[in-house]
N, C-alpha and C. Protein backbone atom coordinates (compact mmCIF):
# COMPACT_ATOMS: atom_id res chain seq x y z
N MET A 1 43.43 -103.90 29.19
CA MET A 1 42.85 -102.57 29.57
C MET A 1 41.26 -102.61 29.00
N SER A 2 40.56 -102.52 30.31
CA SER A 2 39.13 -102.31 30.08
C SER A 2 38.49 -101.14 29.30
N ALA A 3 37.60 -100.68 28.73
CA ALA A 3 37.27 -99.36 28.27
C ALA A 3 36.26 -98.91 28.96
N THR A 4 36.18 -97.56 29.57
CA THR A 4 35.01 -97.00 30.20
C THR A 4 33.98 -96.91 29.21
N ALA A 5 32.70 -96.16 29.89
CA ALA A 5 31.79 -95.80 28.78
C ALA A 5 32.25 -94.58 27.91
N THR A 6 32.79 -93.71 28.71
CA THR A 6 33.34 -92.44 27.98
C THR A 6 34.53 -92.91 26.92
N GLU A 7 35.38 -93.86 27.16
CA GLU A 7 36.46 -94.17 26.51
C GLU A 7 35.71 -95.06 25.08
N HIS A 8 34.68 -95.56 25.43
CA HIS A 8 34.05 -96.06 24.39
C HIS A 8 33.63 -95.35 23.25
N HIS A 9 32.80 -94.26 23.74
CA HIS A 9 32.12 -93.09 23.07
C HIS A 9 33.22 -92.41 22.32
N THR A 10 34.48 -92.49 22.72
CA THR A 10 35.53 -91.64 21.93
C THR A 10 35.97 -92.45 20.83
N GLU A 11 36.03 -93.79 21.15
CA GLU A 11 36.66 -94.63 20.04
C GLU A 11 35.40 -94.80 18.96
N VAL A 12 34.41 -94.70 19.37
CA VAL A 12 33.34 -94.88 18.23
C VAL A 12 32.82 -93.40 17.40
N GLY A 13 33.35 -92.32 17.98
CA GLY A 13 32.98 -91.04 17.20
C GLY A 13 32.77 -90.13 18.40
N GLY A 14 32.43 -90.40 19.72
CA GLY A 14 32.33 -89.32 20.62
C GLY A 14 30.89 -89.09 20.45
N LEU A 15 30.53 -88.04 21.26
CA LEU A 15 29.03 -87.44 21.47
C LEU A 15 29.04 -86.55 20.21
N GLU A 16 29.85 -86.09 19.30
CA GLU A 16 29.73 -85.36 18.15
C GLU A 16 28.46 -85.59 17.25
N ARG A 17 28.09 -86.82 17.09
CA ARG A 17 27.07 -87.23 16.16
C ARG A 17 25.93 -86.99 16.91
N LEU A 18 25.63 -86.83 18.25
CA LEU A 18 24.66 -86.54 18.81
C LEU A 18 24.31 -84.89 18.95
N THR A 19 25.58 -84.19 19.24
CA THR A 19 25.17 -82.91 19.08
C THR A 19 25.74 -82.00 17.94
N ASN A 20 26.27 -82.60 16.89
CA ASN A 20 26.56 -82.09 15.37
C ASN A 20 26.44 -83.11 14.58
N PRO A 21 25.12 -83.85 14.41
CA PRO A 21 25.00 -84.71 13.24
C PRO A 21 25.26 -84.31 11.92
N SER A 22 25.92 -85.22 11.29
CA SER A 22 25.98 -85.02 9.63
C SER A 22 24.55 -85.10 9.12
N ALA A 23 24.65 -84.79 7.82
CA ALA A 23 23.43 -84.86 7.07
C ALA A 23 23.07 -86.11 6.83
N ARG A 24 24.05 -87.27 6.82
CA ARG A 24 23.89 -88.75 6.89
C ARG A 24 23.22 -89.14 8.19
N ASP A 25 23.52 -88.86 9.39
CA ASP A 25 22.96 -88.95 10.35
C ASP A 25 21.60 -88.41 10.64
N ALA A 26 21.55 -87.33 10.19
CA ALA A 26 19.99 -86.75 10.33
C ALA A 26 19.10 -87.63 9.46
N GLU A 27 19.37 -87.96 8.36
CA GLU A 27 18.78 -88.64 7.54
C GLU A 27 18.36 -89.99 8.19
N ALA A 28 19.29 -90.59 8.72
CA ALA A 28 19.01 -92.04 9.23
C ALA A 28 18.21 -91.84 10.44
N ALA A 29 18.31 -90.78 11.27
CA ALA A 29 17.46 -90.39 12.34
C ALA A 29 15.99 -90.33 11.87
N ALA A 30 15.70 -89.80 10.81
CA ALA A 30 14.41 -89.72 10.39
C ALA A 30 13.62 -91.06 10.09
N LEU A 31 14.71 -91.76 9.19
CA LEU A 31 14.13 -93.36 9.12
C LEU A 31 13.93 -93.86 10.36
N LEU A 32 14.59 -93.87 11.48
CA LEU A 32 14.34 -94.55 12.70
C LEU A 32 13.10 -94.22 13.27
N ARG A 33 12.82 -92.83 13.13
CA ARG A 33 11.32 -92.50 13.57
C ARG A 33 10.32 -92.66 12.70
N HIS A 34 10.25 -93.36 11.63
CA HIS A 34 9.44 -93.67 10.60
C HIS A 34 8.36 -94.58 11.48
N PRO A 35 6.92 -94.16 11.24
CA PRO A 35 5.99 -94.93 12.24
C PRO A 35 6.03 -96.35 11.87
N ASP A 36 6.20 -96.85 10.59
CA ASP A 36 6.05 -98.23 10.22
C ASP A 36 7.28 -98.94 10.80
N LEU A 37 8.17 -98.37 11.37
CA LEU A 37 9.37 -99.24 12.13
C LEU A 37 9.25 -99.06 13.59
N LEU A 38 8.44 -98.05 14.05
CA LEU A 38 8.12 -97.74 15.60
C LEU A 38 7.02 -98.75 15.91
N GLU A 39 6.09 -99.00 15.28
CA GLU A 39 4.73 -99.49 15.61
C GLU A 39 4.83 -100.89 16.47
N ASP A 40 5.87 -101.87 16.05
CA ASP A 40 5.97 -102.97 16.86
C ASP A 40 6.59 -102.82 18.19
N ILE A 41 7.40 -101.80 18.29
CA ILE A 41 7.84 -101.45 19.67
C ILE A 41 6.79 -100.55 20.67
N ALA A 42 6.01 -99.67 19.84
CA ALA A 42 4.99 -98.90 20.67
C ALA A 42 3.90 -99.77 21.06
N ALA A 43 3.72 -100.94 20.17
CA ALA A 43 2.71 -102.05 20.89
C ALA A 43 3.29 -102.50 22.08
N LEU A 44 4.25 -102.78 22.12
CA LEU A 44 4.90 -103.54 23.51
C LEU A 44 4.52 -102.59 24.50
N HIS A 45 4.48 -101.27 24.48
CA HIS A 45 4.47 -100.34 25.58
C HIS A 45 3.01 -99.79 25.81
N ARG A 46 1.88 -100.34 25.15
CA ARG A 46 0.57 -99.98 25.03
C ARG A 46 -0.16 -100.91 26.16
N PRO A 47 -0.82 -100.56 27.01
CA PRO A 47 -1.60 -101.41 27.85
C PRO A 47 -2.36 -102.56 27.19
N SER A 48 -2.33 -103.75 27.52
CA SER A 48 -2.92 -104.73 27.15
C SER A 48 -4.66 -104.56 27.48
N SER A 49 -5.37 -105.08 26.58
CA SER A 49 -6.81 -105.23 26.87
C SER A 49 -7.19 -106.23 27.91
N SER A 50 -6.24 -107.31 28.00
CA SER A 50 -6.58 -108.44 28.83
C SER A 50 -6.10 -108.03 30.15
N SER A 51 -5.33 -106.95 30.16
CA SER A 51 -5.00 -106.91 31.89
C SER A 51 -5.77 -105.86 32.69
N CYS A 52 -7.12 -105.57 32.06
CA CYS A 52 -7.96 -104.77 32.72
C CYS A 52 -8.84 -105.60 33.85
């Protein structure tokens, strides 16, 4: 039996973590938004100076 996207989410904890995050989830989200962690990804989305 293959799992659909909905079934997968319910197996992993559902959307509860998005709609009602625990204190630990909120702390983790703050770390994931930290500029040092985002810089490499943000750089990928900036226009390159060589493409002008």
